[in-house]
Amino acid sequence: MKRVNDTHQLTVVRSGKWWAIKAENLPGCHSQARRRAKIESAARNAIALWFDADETEVGPLVVNFAEAD
């Protein structure tokens, strides 16, 4: 069972002027950020919403950058 405080693997891909963010272990959990510096906060927000939890409860994030297909 997945928990909000688990470690979350993120795949991040540049898409035009945006960074597309996908939480690999949470089906349908996606976000985007305009600036690279905002990737983690956008991901924490999406993961918190997925679990209906507070952002402060979200566990560690592992960010993996990938090339666009």
C-alpha atoms as a PDB file:
ATOM      1  CA  MET A   1       0.000   0.000   0.000  1.00  0.00           C
ATOM      2  CA  LYS A   2       1.330   3.414  -0.946  1.00  0.00           C
ATOM      3  CA  ARG A   3       1.657   6.034   1.791  1.00  0.00           C
ATOM      4  CA  VAL A   4       2.063   9.798   1.610  1.00  0.00           C
ATOM      5  CA  ASN A   5       5.333   9.673   3.587  1.00  0.00           C
ATOM      6  CA  ASP A   6       6.940   7.050   1.290  1.00  0.00           C
ATOM      7  CA  THR A   7       9.809   8.054  -1.004  1.00  0.00           C
ATOM      8  CA  HIS A   8       8.343   9.213  -4.325  1.00  0.00           C
ATOM      9  CA  GLN A   9      10.121   8.750  -7.662  1.00  0.00           C
ATOM     10  CA  LEU A  10       9.516  11.631 -10.075  1.00  0.00           C
ATOM     11  CA  THR A  11      10.170  11.699 -13.791  1.00  0.00           C
ATOM     12  CA  VAL A  12      10.575  15.222 -15.145  1.00  0.00           C
ATOM     13  CA  VAL A  13      10.615  16.125 -18.849  1.00  0.00           C
ATOM     14  CA  ARG A  14      10.950  19.516 -20.499  1.00  0.00           C
ATOM     15  CA  SER A  15       7.811  20.292 -22.532  1.00  0.00           C
ATOM     16  CA  GLY A  16       8.088  23.632 -24.292  1.00  0.00           C
ATOM     17  CA  LYS A  17       8.405  26.317 -21.628  1.00  0.00           C
ATOM     18  CA  TRP A  18       7.223  23.937 -18.885  1.00  0.00           C
ATOM     19  CA  TRP A  19       8.571  20.991 -16.907  1.00  0.00           C
ATOM     20  CA  ALA A  20       6.151  18.033 -16.950  1.00  0.00           C
ATOM     21  CA  ILE A  21       6.242  16.071 -13.697  1.00  0.00           C
ATOM     22  CA  LYS A  22       5.025  12.506 -13.160  1.00  0.00           C
ATOM     23  CA  ALA A  23       5.001  10.663  -9.838  1.00  0.00           C
ATOM     24  CA  GLU A  24       5.944   7.170 -11.002  1.00  0.00           C
ATOM     25  CA  ASN A  25       4.453   5.283  -8.059  1.00  0.00           C
ATOM     26  CA  LEU A  26       1.080   7.085  -8.108  1.00  0.00           C
ATOM     27  CA  PRO A  27      -1.133   6.452 -11.153  1.00  0.00           C
ATOM     28  CA  GLY A  28      -2.524   9.670 -12.592  1.00  0.00           C
ATOM     29  CA  CYS A  29      -0.433  11.919 -10.347  1.00  0.00           C
ATOM     30  CA  HIS A  30       1.019  14.609 -12.623  1.00  0.00           C
ATOM     31  CA  SER A  31       1.943  18.253 -12.358  1.00  0.00           C
ATOM     32  CA  GLN A  32       3.917  20.921 -14.143  1.00  0.00           C
ATOM     33  CA  ALA A  33       6.235  23.771 -13.258  1.00  0.00           C
ATOM     34  CA  ARG A  34       7.323  26.785 -15.263  1.00  0.00           C
ATOM     35  CA  ARG A  35      10.706  27.032 -13.522  1.00  0.00           C
ATOM     36  CA  ARG A  36      13.057  24.215 -12.563  1.00  0.00           C
ATOM     37  CA  ALA A  37      13.269  25.602  -9.038  1.00  0.00           C
ATOM     38  CA  LYS A  38       9.517  24.989  -8.580  1.00  0.00           C
ATOM     39  CA  ILE A  39       9.513  21.296  -9.598  1.00  0.00           C
ATOM     40  CA  GLU A  40       9.657  19.877  -6.077  1.00  0.00           C
ATOM     41  CA  SER A  41       6.979  22.183  -4.665  1.00  0.00           C
ATOM     42  CA  ALA A  42       4.650  21.425  -7.598  1.00  0.00           C
ATOM     43  CA  ALA A  43       5.243  17.691  -7.110  1.00  0.00           C
ATOM     44  CA  ARG A  44       4.638  17.906  -3.347  1.00  0.00           C
ATOM     45  CA  ASN A  45       1.363  19.710  -3.994  1.00  0.00           C
ATOM     46  CA  ALA A  46       0.194  17.077  -6.530  1.00  0.00           C
ATOM     47  CA  ILE A  47       1.170  14.186  -4.246  1.00  0.00           C
ATOM     48  CA  ALA A  48      -0.580  15.784  -1.269  1.00  0.00           C
ATOM     49  CA  LEU A  49      -3.735  16.202  -3.350  1.00  0.00           C
ATOM     50  CA  TRP A  50      -3.506  12.576  -4.528  1.00  0.00           C
ATOM     51  CA  PHE A  51      -3.494  11.415  -0.908  1.00  0.00           C
ATOM     52  CA  ASP A  52      -5.804  14.185   0.400  1.00  0.00           C
ATOM     53  CA  ALA A  53      -3.026  15.113   2.823  1.00  0.00           C
ATOM     54  CA  ASP A  54      -0.990  18.158   3.795  1.00  0.00           C
ATOM     55  CA  GLU A  55       2.135  18.951   1.748  1.00  0.00           C
ATOM     56  CA  THR A  56       4.244  18.736   4.899  1.00  0.00           C
ATOM     57  CA  GLU A  57       3.382  15.021   5.138  1.00  0.00           C
ATOM     58  CA  VAL A  58       4.834  14.153   1.707  1.00  0.00           C
ATOM     59  CA  GLY A  59       7.912  11.942   1.966  1.00  0.00           C
ATOM     60  CA  PRO A  60      11.261  12.376   0.210  1.00  0.00           C
ATOM     61  CA  LEU A  61      11.311  13.062  -3.530  1.00  0.00           C
ATOM     62  CA  VAL A  62      13.773  11.515  -5.984  1.00  0.00           C
ATOM     63  CA  VAL A  63      13.829  13.626  -9.144  1.00  0.00           C
ATOM     64  CA  ASN A  64      14.888  11.951 -12.398  1.00  0.00           C
ATOM     65  CA  PHE A  65      15.222  14.120 -15.490  1.00  0.00           C
ATOM     66  CA  ALA A  66      14.438  12.415 -18.799  1.00  0.00           C
ATOM     67  CA  GLU A  67      14.588  13.376 -22.463  1.00  0.00           C
ATOM     68  CA  ALA A  68      11.316  14.108 -24.247  1.00  0.00           C
ATOM     69  CA  ASP A  69      10.119  11.353 -26.565  1.00  0.00           C
END
